[in-house]
Amino acid sequence: LTFTDVSGNTITTLGPYEVGVIKVTKGSPLTSGQYYTIMVVLE
């Protein structure tokens, strides 16, 4: 997992009304056209 702001800068907190980016790296691709569910859980 990589956490950045929309400009690509590494950040440690996401302030109110800000947009952050989570980049998920996988060794193999997800099957094209298949439906998947991502769940994000805060602390």
ModelCIF file with pLDDT and N, C-alpha, C, O atoms, coordinates in Angstrom:
data_MODEL
#
_entry.id   MODEL 
#
_entity.id                         1 
_entity.type                       polymer 
_entity.pdbx_number_of_molecules   1 
#
_entity_poly.entity_id                      1 
_entity_poly.type                           'polypeptide(L)' 
_entity_poly.nstd_linkage                   no 
_entity_poly.nstd_monomer                   no 
_entity_poly.pdbx_seq_one_letter_code       LTFTDVSGNTITTLGPYEVGVIKVTKGSPLTSGQYYTIMVVLE 
_entity_poly.pdbx_seq_one_letter_code_can   LTFTDVSGNTITTLGPYEVGVIKVTKGSPLTSGQYYTIMVVLE 
_entity_poly.pdbx_strand_id                 A 
#
loop_
_entity_poly_seq.entity_id 
_entity_poly_seq.num 
_entity_poly_seq.mon_id 
_entity_poly_seq.hetero 
1 1  LEU n 
1 2  THR n 
1 3  PHE n 
1 4  THR n 
1 5  ASP n 
1 6  VAL n 
1 7  SER n 
1 8  GLY n 
1 9  ASN n 
1 10 THR n 
1 11 ILE n 
1 12 THR n 
1 13 THR n 
1 14 LEU n 
1 15 GLY n 
1 16 PRO n 
1 17 TYR n 
1 18 GLU n 
1 19 VAL n 
1 20 GLY n 
1 21 VAL n 
1 22 ILE n 
1 23 LYS n 
1 24 VAL n 
1 25 THR n 
1 26 LYS n 
1 27 GLY n 
1 28 SER n 
1 29 PRO n 
1 30 LEU n 
1 31 THR n 
1 32 SER n 
1 33 GLY n 
1 34 GLN n 
1 35 TYR n 
1 36 TYR n 
1 37 THR n 
1 38 ILE n 
1 39 MET n 
1 40 VAL n 
1 41 VAL n 
1 42 LEU n 
1 43 GLU n 
#
_struct_asym.id          A 
_struct_asym.entity_id   1 
#
loop_
_ma_qa_metric.id 
_ma_qa_metric.mode 
_ma_qa_metric.name 
_ma_qa_metric.software_group_id 
_ma_qa_metric.type 
1 global pLDDT . pLDDT 
2 local  pLDDT . pLDDT 
#
_ma_qa_metric_global.metric_id      1 
_ma_qa_metric_global.metric_value   94.65 
_ma_qa_metric_global.model_id       1 
_ma_qa_metric_global.ordinal_id     1 
#
loop_
_ma_qa_metric_local.label_asym_id 
_ma_qa_metric_local.label_comp_id 
_ma_qa_metric_local.label_seq_id 
_ma_qa_metric_local.metric_id 
_ma_qa_metric_local.metric_value 
_ma_qa_metric_local.model_id 
_ma_qa_metric_local.ordinal_id 
A LEU 1  2 96.00 1 1  
A THR 2  2 96.00 1 2  
A PHE 3  2 97.00 1 3  
A THR 4  2 96.00 1 4  
A ASP 5  2 95.00 1 5  
A VAL 6  2 95.00 1 6  
A SER 7  2 94.00 1 7  
A GLY 8  2 93.00 1 8  
A ASN 9  2 95.00 1 9  
A THR 10 2 93.00 1 10 
A ILE 11 2 95.00 1 11 
A THR 12 2 95.00 1 12 
A THR 13 2 96.00 1 13 
A LEU 14 2 96.00 1 14 
A GLY 15 2 94.00 1 15 
A PRO 16 2 94.00 1 16 
A TYR 17 2 93.00 1 17 
A GLU 18 2 96.00 1 18 
A VAL 19 2 96.00 1 19 
A GLY 20 2 97.00 1 20 
A VAL 21 2 97.00 1 21 
A ILE 22 2 97.00 1 22 
A LYS 23 2 96.00 1 23 
A VAL 24 2 96.00 1 24 
A THR 25 2 95.00 1 25 
A LYS 26 2 93.00 1 26 
A GLY 27 2 88.00 1 27 
A SER 28 2 90.00 1 28 
A PRO 29 2 91.00 1 29 
A LEU 30 2 92.00 1 30 
A THR 31 2 92.00 1 31 
A SER 32 2 91.00 1 32 
A GLY 33 2 93.00 1 33 
A GLN 34 2 95.00 1 34 
A TYR 35 2 96.00 1 35 
A TYR 36 2 96.00 1 36 
A THR 37 2 97.00 1 37 
A ILE 38 2 97.00 1 38 
A MET 39 2 98.00 1 39 
A VAL 40 2 97.00 1 40 
A VAL 41 2 97.00 1 41 
A LEU 42 2 94.00 1 42 
A GLU 43 2 90.00 1 43 
#
loop_
_atom_site.group_PDB 
_atom_site.id 
_atom_site.type_symbol 
_atom_site.label_atom_id 
_atom_site.label_alt_id 
_atom_site.label_comp_id 
_atom_site.label_asym_id 
_atom_site.label_entity_id 
_atom_site.label_seq_id 
_atom_site.pdbx_PDB_ins_code 
_atom_site.Cartn_x 
_atom_site.Cartn_y 
_atom_site.Cartn_z 
_atom_site.occupancy 
_atom_site.B_iso_or_equiv 
_atom_site.pdbx_formal_charge 
_atom_site.auth_seq_id 
_atom_site.auth_comp_id 
_atom_site.auth_asym_id 
_atom_site.auth_atom_id 
_atom_site.pdbx_PDB_model_num 
ATOM 1   N N  . LEU A 1 1  ? 0.830   -1.199  0.000   1.00 96.00 ? 1  LEU A N  1 
ATOM 2   C CA . LEU A 1 1  ? 0.000   0.000   0.000   1.00 96.00 ? 1  LEU A CA 1 
ATOM 3   C C  . LEU A 1 1  ? 0.866   1.250   0.000   1.00 96.00 ? 1  LEU A C  1 
ATOM 4   O O  . LEU A 1 1  ? 1.885   1.315   0.687   1.00 96.00 ? 1  LEU A O  1 
ATOM 5   N N  . THR A 1 2  ? 0.448   2.238   -0.776  1.00 96.00 ? 2  THR A N  1 
ATOM 6   C CA . THR A 1 2  ? 1.115   3.538   -0.797  1.00 96.00 ? 2  THR A CA 1 
ATOM 7   C C  . THR A 1 2  ? 0.049   4.606   -0.572  1.00 96.00 ? 2  THR A C  1 
ATOM 8   O O  . THR A 1 2  ? -1.003  4.583   -1.211  1.00 96.00 ? 2  THR A O  1 
ATOM 9   N N  . PHE A 1 3  ? 0.321   5.541   0.337   1.00 97.00 ? 3  PHE A N  1 
ATOM 10  C CA . PHE A 1 3  ? -0.625  6.601   0.670   1.00 97.00 ? 3  PHE A CA 1 
ATOM 11  C C  . PHE A 1 3  ? -0.036  7.949   0.271   1.00 97.00 ? 3  PHE A C  1 
ATOM 12  O O  . PHE A 1 3  ? 1.026   8.336   0.758   1.00 97.00 ? 3  PHE A O  1 
ATOM 13  N N  . THR A 1 4  ? -0.728  8.661   -0.616  1.00 96.00 ? 4  THR A N  1 
ATOM 14  C CA . THR A 1 4  ? -0.245  9.955   -1.099  1.00 96.00 ? 4  THR A CA 1 
ATOM 15  C C  . THR A 1 4  ? -1.416  10.929  -1.201  1.00 96.00 ? 4  THR A C  1 
ATOM 16  O O  . THR A 1 4  ? -2.578  10.558  -1.036  1.00 96.00 ? 4  THR A O  1 
ATOM 17  N N  . ASP A 1 5  ? -1.068  12.192  -1.480  1.00 95.00 ? 5  ASP A N  1 
ATOM 18  C CA . ASP A 1 5  ? -2.111  13.139  -1.857  1.00 95.00 ? 5  ASP A CA 1 
ATOM 19  C C  . ASP A 1 5  ? -2.293  13.041  -3.372  1.00 95.00 ? 5  ASP A C  1 
ATOM 20  O O  . ASP A 1 5  ? -1.631  12.232  -4.022  1.00 95.00 ? 5  ASP A O  1 
ATOM 21  N N  . VAL A 1 6  ? -3.175  13.846  -3.934  1.00 95.00 ? 6  VAL A N  1 
ATOM 22  C CA . VAL A 1 6  ? -3.449  13.733  -5.370  1.00 95.00 ? 6  VAL A CA 1 
ATOM 23  C C  . VAL A 1 6  ? -2.270  14.174  -6.230  1.00 95.00 ? 6  VAL A C  1 
ATOM 24  O O  . VAL A 1 6  ? -2.231  13.865  -7.421  1.00 95.00 ? 6  VAL A O  1 
ATOM 25  N N  . SER A 1 7  ? -1.307  14.892  -5.649  1.00 94.00 ? 7  SER A N  1 
ATOM 26  C CA . SER A 1 7  ? -0.116  15.304  -6.387  1.00 94.00 ? 7  SER A CA 1 
ATOM 27  C C  . SER A 1 7  ? 0.995   14.252  -6.335  1.00 94.00 ? 7  SER A C  1 
ATOM 28  O O  . SER A 1 7  ? 2.032   14.406  -6.980  1.00 94.00 ? 7  SER A O  1 
ATOM 29  N N  . GLY A 1 8  ? 0.775   13.192  -5.570  1.00 93.00 ? 8  GLY A N  1 
ATOM 30  C CA . GLY A 1 8  ? 1.772   12.129  -5.460  1.00 93.00 ? 8  GLY A CA 1 
ATOM 31  C C  . GLY A 1 8  ? 2.716   12.271  -4.287  1.00 93.00 ? 8  GLY A C  1 
ATOM 32  O O  . GLY A 1 8  ? 3.636   11.466  -4.141  1.00 93.00 ? 8  GLY A O  1 
ATOM 33  N N  . ASN A 1 9  ? 2.514   13.276  -3.444  1.00 95.00 ? 9  ASN A N  1 
ATOM 34  C CA . ASN A 1 9  ? 3.356   13.490  -2.267  1.00 95.00 ? 9  ASN A CA 1 
ATOM 35  C C  . ASN A 1 9  ? 2.901   12.573  -1.134  1.00 95.00 ? 9  ASN A C  1 
ATOM 36  O O  . ASN A 1 9  ? 1.702   12.439  -0.888  1.00 95.00 ? 9  ASN A O  1 
ATOM 37  N N  . THR A 1 10 ? 3.845   11.947  -0.447  1.00 93.00 ? 10 THR A N  1 
ATOM 38  C CA . THR A 1 10 ? 3.516   11.079  0.679   1.00 93.00 ? 10 THR A CA 1 
ATOM 39  C C  . THR A 1 10 ? 2.921   11.914  1.803   1.00 93.00 ? 10 THR A C  1 
ATOM 40  O O  . THR A 1 10 ? 3.440   12.980  2.134   1.00 93.00 ? 10 THR A O  1 
ATOM 41  N N  . ILE A 1 11 ? 1.819   11.424  2.395   1.00 95.00 ? 11 ILE A N  1 
ATOM 42  C CA . ILE A 1 11 ? 1.182   12.122  3.512   1.00 95.00 ? 11 ILE A CA 1 
ATOM 43  C C  . ILE A 1 11 ? 0.922   11.118  4.634   1.00 95.00 ? 11 ILE A C  1 
ATOM 44  O O  . ILE A 1 11 ? 0.882   9.909   4.406   1.00 95.00 ? 11 ILE A O  1 
ATOM 45  N N  . THR A 1 12 ? 0.747   11.639  5.846   1.00 95.00 ? 12 THR A N  1 
ATOM 46  C CA . THR A 1 12 ? 0.480   10.769  6.998   1.00 95.00 ? 12 THR A CA 1 
ATOM 47  C C  . THR A 1 12 ? -0.904  11.001  7.589   1.00 95.00 ? 12 THR A C  1 
ATOM 48  O O  . THR A 1 12 ? -1.397  10.160  8.342   1.00 95.00 ? 12 THR A O  1 
ATOM 49  N N  . THR A 1 13 ? -1.544  12.128  7.263   1.00 96.00 ? 13 THR A N  1 
ATOM 50  C CA . THR A 1 13 ? -2.911  12.389  7.713   1.00 96.00 ? 13 THR A CA 1 
ATOM 51  C C  . THR A 1 13 ? -3.721  12.941  6.549   1.00 96.00 ? 13 THR A C  1 
ATOM 52  O O  . THR A 1 13 ? -3.189  13.558  5.626   1.00 96.00 ? 13 THR A O  1 
ATOM 53  N N  . LEU A 1 14 ? -5.000  12.703  6.624   1.00 96.00 ? 14 LEU A N  1 
ATOM 54  C CA . LEU A 1 14 ? -5.912  13.234  5.615   1.00 96.00 ? 14 LEU A CA 1 
ATOM 55  C C  . LEU A 1 14 ? -6.855  14.193  6.320   1.00 96.00 ? 14 LEU A C  1 
ATOM 56  O O  . LEU A 1 14 ? -7.680  13.788  7.139   1.00 96.00 ? 14 LEU A O  1 
ATOM 57  N N  . GLY A 1 15 ? -6.720  15.468  5.989   1.00 94.00 ? 15 GLY A N  1 
ATOM 58  C CA . GLY A 1 15 ? -7.516  16.493  6.643   1.00 94.00 ? 15 GLY A CA 1 
ATOM 59  C C  . GLY A 1 15 ? -8.940  16.544  6.123   1.00 94.00 ? 15 GLY A C  1 
ATOM 60  O O  . GLY A 1 15 ? -9.263  15.913  5.117   1.00 94.00 ? 15 GLY A O  1 
ATOM 61  N N  . PRO A 1 16 ? -9.799  17.303  6.815   1.00 94.00 ? 16 PRO A N  1 
ATOM 62  C CA . PRO A 1 16 ? -11.188 17.426  6.380   1.00 94.00 ? 16 PRO A CA 1 
ATOM 63  C C  . PRO A 1 16 ? -11.282 17.944  4.946   1.00 94.00 ? 16 PRO A C  1 
ATOM 64  O O  . PRO A 1 16 ? -10.619 18.912  4.574   1.00 94.00 ? 16 PRO A O  1 
ATOM 65  N N  . TYR A 1 17 ? -12.108 17.288  4.162   1.00 93.00 ? 17 TYR A N  1 
ATOM 66  C CA . TYR A 1 17 ? -12.411 17.647  2.779   1.00 93.00 ? 17 TYR A CA 1 
ATOM 67  C C  . TYR A 1 17 ? -11.234 17.458  1.822   1.00 93.00 ? 17 TYR A C  1 
ATOM 68  O O  . TYR A 1 17 ? -11.300 17.894  0.673   1.00 93.00 ? 17 TYR A O  1 
ATOM 69  N N  . GLU A 1 18 ? -10.172 16.821  2.275   1.00 96.00 ? 18 GLU A N  1 
ATOM 70  C CA . GLU A 1 18 ? -9.036  16.520  1.400   1.00 96.00 ? 18 GLU A CA 1 
ATOM 71  C C  . GLU A 1 18 ? -9.244  15.167  0.738   1.00 96.00 ? 18 GLU A C  1 
ATOM 72  O O  . GLU A 1 18 ? -9.962  14.310  1.253   1.00 96.00 ? 18 GLU A O  1 
ATOM 73  N N  . VAL A 1 19 ? -8.597  14.990  -0.422  1.00 96.00 ? 19 VAL A N  1 
ATOM 74  C CA . VAL A 1 19 ? -8.643  13.725  -1.142  1.00 96.00 ? 19 VAL A CA 1 
ATOM 75  C C  . VAL A 1 19 ? -7.261  13.095  -1.071  1.00 96.00 ? 19 VAL A C  1 
ATOM 76  O O  . VAL A 1 19 ? -6.253  13.741  -1.358  1.00 96.00 ? 19 VAL A O  1 
ATOM 77  N N  . GLY A 1 20 ? -7.228  11.832  -0.685  1.00 97.00 ? 20 GLY A N  1 
ATOM 78  C CA . GLY A 1 20 ? -5.991  11.074  -0.642  1.00 97.00 ? 20 GLY A CA 1 
ATOM 79  C C  . GLY A 1 20 ? -6.060  9.923   -1.635  1.00 97.00 ? 20 GLY A C  1 
ATOM 80  O O  . GLY A 1 20 ? -7.132  9.553   -2.113  1.00 97.00 ? 20 GLY A O  1 
ATOM 81  N N  . VAL A 1 21 ? -4.901  9.373   -1.929  1.00 97.00 ? 21 VAL A N  1 
ATOM 82  C CA . VAL A 1 21 ? -4.799  8.285   -2.896  1.00 97.00 ? 21 VAL A CA 1 
ATOM 83  C C  . VAL A 1 21 ? -4.206  7.065   -2.204  1.00 97.00 ? 21 VAL A C  1 
ATOM 84  O O  . VAL A 1 21 ? -3.171  7.152   -1.543  1.00 97.00 ? 21 VAL A O  1 
ATOM 85  N N  . ILE A 1 22 ? -4.870  5.940   -2.365  1.00 97.00 ? 22 ILE A N  1 
ATOM 86  C CA . ILE A 1 22 ? -4.313  4.664   -1.918  1.00 97.00 ? 22 ILE A CA 1 
ATOM 87  C C  . ILE A 1 22 ? -3.973  3.873   -3.174  1.00 97.00 ? 22 ILE A C  1 
ATOM 88  O O  . ILE A 1 22 ? -4.842  3.573   -3.993  1.00 97.00 ? 22 ILE A O  1 
ATOM 89  N N  . LYS A 1 23 ? -2.699  3.543   -3.306  1.00 96.00 ? 23 LYS A N  1 
ATOM 90  C CA . LYS A 1 23 ? -2.264  2.708   -4.424  1.00 96.00 ? 23 LYS A CA 1 
ATOM 91  C C  . LYS A 1 23 ? -2.046  1.299   -3.886  1.00 96.00 ? 23 LYS A C  1 
ATOM 92  O O  . LYS A 1 23 ? -1.264  1.082   -2.961  1.00 96.00 ? 23 LYS A O  1 
ATOM 93  N N  . VAL A 1 24 ? -2.757  0.348   -4.491  1.00 96.00 ? 24 VAL A N  1 
ATOM 94  C CA . VAL A 1 24 ? -2.698  -1.055  -4.087  1.00 96.00 ? 24 VAL A CA 1 
ATOM 95  C C  . VAL A 1 24 ? -1.896  -1.805  -5.142  1.00 96.00 ? 24 VAL A C  1 
ATOM 96  O O  . VAL A 1 24 ? -2.274  -1.843  -6.312  1.00 96.00 ? 24 VAL A O  1 
ATOM 97  N N  . THR A 1 25 ? -0.784  -2.403  -4.716  1.00 95.00 ? 25 THR A N  1 
ATOM 98  C CA . THR A 1 25 ? 0.068   -3.152  -5.631  1.00 95.00 ? 25 THR A CA 1 
ATOM 99  C C  . THR A 1 25 ? -0.208  -4.641  -5.475  1.00 95.00 ? 25 THR A C  1 
ATOM 100 O O  . THR A 1 25 ? -0.181  -5.183  -4.370  1.00 95.00 ? 25 THR A O  1 
ATOM 101 N N  . LYS A 1 26 ? -0.474  -5.287  -6.602  1.00 93.00 ? 26 LYS A N  1 
ATOM 102 C CA . LYS A 1 26 ? -0.727  -6.728  -6.614  1.00 93.00 ? 26 LYS A CA 1 
ATOM 103 C C  . LYS A 1 26 ? 0.220   -7.386  -7.604  1.00 93.00 ? 26 LYS A C  1 
ATOM 104 O O  . LYS A 1 26 ? 0.522   -6.815  -8.652  1.00 93.00 ? 26 LYS A O  1 
ATOM 105 N N  . GLY A 1 27 ? 0.684   -8.573  -7.279  1.00 88.00 ? 27 GLY A N  1 
ATOM 106 C CA . GLY A 1 27 ? 1.600   -9.301  -8.147  1.00 88.00 ? 27 GLY A CA 1 
ATOM 107 C C  . GLY A 1 27 ? 0.948   -9.774  -9.428  1.00 88.00 ? 27 GLY A C  1 
ATOM 108 O O  . GLY A 1 27 ? 1.565   -9.764  -10.493 1.00 88.00 ? 27 GLY A O  1 
ATOM 109 N N  . SER A 1 28 ? -0.311  -10.193 -9.318  1.00 90.00 ? 28 SER A N  1 
ATOM 110 C CA . SER A 1 28 ? -1.034  -10.643 -10.502 1.00 90.00 ? 28 SER A CA 1 
ATOM 111 C C  . SER A 1 28 ? -2.238  -9.733  -10.713 1.00 90.00 ? 28 SER A C  1 
ATOM 112 O O  . SER A 1 28 ? -2.769  -9.175  -9.752  1.00 90.00 ? 28 SER A O  1 
ATOM 113 N N  . PRO A 1 29 ? -2.671  -9.578  -11.955 1.00 91.00 ? 29 PRO A N  1 
ATOM 114 C CA . PRO A 1 29 ? -3.778  -8.645  -12.198 1.00 91.00 ? 29 PRO A CA 1 
ATOM 115 C C  . PRO A 1 29 ? -5.117  -9.217  -11.728 1.00 91.00 ? 29 PRO A C  1 
ATOM 116 O O  . PRO A 1 29 ? -5.303  -10.430 -11.639 1.00 91.00 ? 29 PRO A O  1 
ATOM 117 N N  . LEU A 1 30 ? -6.027  -8.313  -11.436 1.00 92.00 ? 30 LEU A N  1 
ATOM 118 C CA . LEU A 1 30 ? -7.404  -8.722  -11.178 1.00 92.00 ? 30 LEU A CA 1 
ATOM 119 C C  . LEU A 1 30 ? -8.006  -9.119  -12.527 1.00 92.00 ? 30 LEU A C  1 
ATOM 120 O O  . LEU A 1 30 ? -7.654  -8.539  -13.554 1.00 92.00 ? 30 LEU A O  1 
ATOM 121 N N  . THR A 1 31 ? -8.888  -10.078 -12.533 1.00 92.00 ? 31 THR A N  1 
ATOM 122 C CA . THR A 1 31 ? -9.482  -10.560 -13.774 1.00 92.00 ? 31 THR A CA 1 
ATOM 123 C C  . THR A 1 31 ? -10.327 -9.464  -14.415 1.00 92.00 ? 31 THR A C  1 
ATOM 124 O O  . THR A 1 31 ? -11.279 -8.965  -13.815 1.00 92.00 ? 31 THR A O  1 
ATOM 125 N N  . SER A 1 32 ? -9.970  -9.104  -15.626 1.00 91.00 ? 32 SER A N  1 
ATOM 126 C CA . SER A 1 32 ? -10.647 -8.021  -16.338 1.00 91.00 ? 32 SER A CA 1 
ATOM 127 C C  . SER A 1 32 ? -12.133 -8.326  -16.499 1.00 91.00 ? 32 SER A C  1 
ATOM 128 O O  . SER A 1 32 ? -12.511 -9.434  -16.881 1.00 91.00 ? 32 SER A O  1 
ATOM 129 N N  . GLY A 1 33 ? -12.971 -7.333  -16.205 1.00 93.00 ? 33 GLY A N  1 
ATOM 130 C CA . GLY A 1 33 ? -14.414 -7.472  -16.327 1.00 93.00 ? 33 GLY A CA 1 
ATOM 131 C C  . GLY A 1 33 ? -15.084 -8.066  -15.111 1.00 93.00 ? 33 GLY A C  1 
ATOM 132 O O  . GLY A 1 33 ? -16.308 -8.002  -14.999 1.00 93.00 ? 33 GLY A O  1 
ATOM 133 N N  . GLN A 1 34 ? -14.322 -8.645  -14.193 1.00 95.00 ? 34 GLN A N  1 
ATOM 134 C CA . GLN A 1 34 ? -14.875 -9.208  -12.960 1.00 95.00 ? 34 GLN A CA 1 
ATOM 135 C C  . GLN A 1 34 ? -15.183 -8.077  -11.973 1.00 95.00 ? 34 GLN A C  1 
ATOM 136 O O  . GLN A 1 34 ? -14.564 -7.014  -12.018 1.00 95.00 ? 34 GLN A O  1 
ATOM 137 N N  . TYR A 1 35 ? -16.139 -8.320  -11.092 1.00 96.00 ? 35 TYR A N  1 
ATOM 138 C CA . TYR A 1 35 ? -16.459 -7.358  -10.041 1.00 96.00 ? 35 TYR A CA 1 
ATOM 139 C C  . TYR A 1 35 ? -15.763 -7.769  -8.746  1.00 96.00 ? 35 TYR A C  1 
ATOM 140 O O  . TYR A 1 35 ? -15.758 -8.940  -8.367  1.00 96.00 ? 35 TYR A O  1 
ATOM 141 N N  . TYR A 1 36 ? -15.180 -6.782  -8.080  1.00 96.00 ? 36 TYR A N  1 
ATOM 142 C CA . TYR A 1 36 ? -14.474 -6.986  -6.824  1.00 96.00 ? 36 TYR A CA 1 
ATOM 143 C C  . TYR A 1 36 ? -14.995 -5.972  -5.815  1.00 96.00 ? 36 TYR A C  1 
ATOM 144 O O  . TYR A 1 36 ? -15.602 -4.966  -6.180  1.00 96.00 ? 36 TYR A O  1 
ATOM 145 N N  . THR A 1 37 ? -14.750 -6.252  -4.553  1.00 97.00 ? 37 THR A N  1 
ATOM 146 C CA . THR A 1 37 ? -15.127 -5.323  -3.484  1.00 97.00 ? 37 THR A CA 1 
ATOM 147 C C  . THR A 1 37 ? -13.875 -4.899  -2.742  1.00 97.00 ? 37 THR A C  1 
ATOM 148 O O  . THR A 1 37 ? -13.110 -5.737  -2.265  1.00 97.00 ? 37 THR A O  1 
ATOM 149 N N  . ILE A 1 38 ? -13.670 -3.593  -2.648  1.00 97.00 ? 38 ILE A N  1 
ATOM 150 C CA . ILE A 1 38 ? -12.590 -3.070  -1.815  1.00 97.00 ? 38 ILE A CA 1 
ATOM 151 C C  . ILE A 1 38 ? -13.228 -2.515  -0.550  1.00 97.00 ? 38 ILE A C  1 
ATOM 152 O O  . ILE A 1 38 ? -14.245 -1.824  -0.606  1.00 97.00 ? 38 ILE A O  1 
ATOM 153 N N  . MET A 1 39 ? -12.622 -2.825  0.586   1.00 98.00 ? 39 MET A N  1 
ATOM 154 C CA . MET A 1 39 ? -13.071 -2.275  1.863   1.00 98.00 ? 39 MET A CA 1 
ATOM 155 C C  . MET A 1 39 ? -11.888 -1.578  2.509   1.00 98.00 ? 39 MET A C  1 
ATOM 156 O O  . MET A 1 39 ? -10.810 -2.156  2.643   1.00 98.00 ? 39 MET A O  1 
ATOM 157 N N  . VAL A 1 40 ? -12.097 -0.333  2.907   1.00 97.00 ? 40 VAL A N  1 
ATOM 158 C CA . VAL A 1 40 ? -11.074 0.456   3.583   1.00 97.00 ? 40 VAL A CA 1 
ATOM 159 C C  . VAL A 1 40 ? -11.549 0.656   5.020   1.00 97.00 ? 40 VAL A C  1 
ATOM 160 O O  . VAL A 1 40 ? -12.673 1.100   5.255   1.00 97.00 ? 40 VAL A O  1 
ATOM 161 N N  . VAL A 1 41 ? -10.679 0.322   5.984   1.00 97.00 ? 41 VAL A N  1 
ATOM 162 C CA . VAL A 1 41 ? -11.027 0.401   7.401   1.00 97.00 ? 41 VAL A CA 1 
ATOM 163 C C  . VAL A 1 41 ? -10.037 1.325   8.103   1.00 97.00 ? 41 VAL A C  1 
ATOM 164 O O  . VAL A 1 41 ? -8.825  1.120   8.034   1.00 97.00 ? 41 VAL A O  1 
ATOM 165 N N  . LEU A 1 42 ? -10.571 2.352   8.786   1.00 94.00 ? 42 LEU A N  1 
ATOM 166 C CA . LEU A 1 42 ? -9.722  3.266   9.557   1.00 94.00 ? 42 LEU A CA 1 
ATOM 167 C C  . LEU A 1 42 ? -9.405  2.668   10.914  1.00 94.00 ? 42 LEU A C  1 
ATOM 168 O O  . LEU A 1 42 ? -9.994  1.664   11.314  1.00 94.00 ? 42 LEU A O  1 
ATOM 169 N N  . GLU A 1 43 ? -8.464  3.294   11.623  1.00 90.00 ? 43 GLU A N  1 
ATOM 170 C CA . GLU A 1 43 ? -8.039  2.769   12.922  1.00 90.00 ? 43 GLU A CA 1 
ATOM 171 C C  . GLU A 1 43 ? -9.145  2.796   13.977  1.00 90.00 ? 43 GLU A C  1 
ATOM 172 O O  . GLU A 1 43 ? -8.922  2.383   15.115  1.00 90.00 ? 43 GLU A O  1 
#
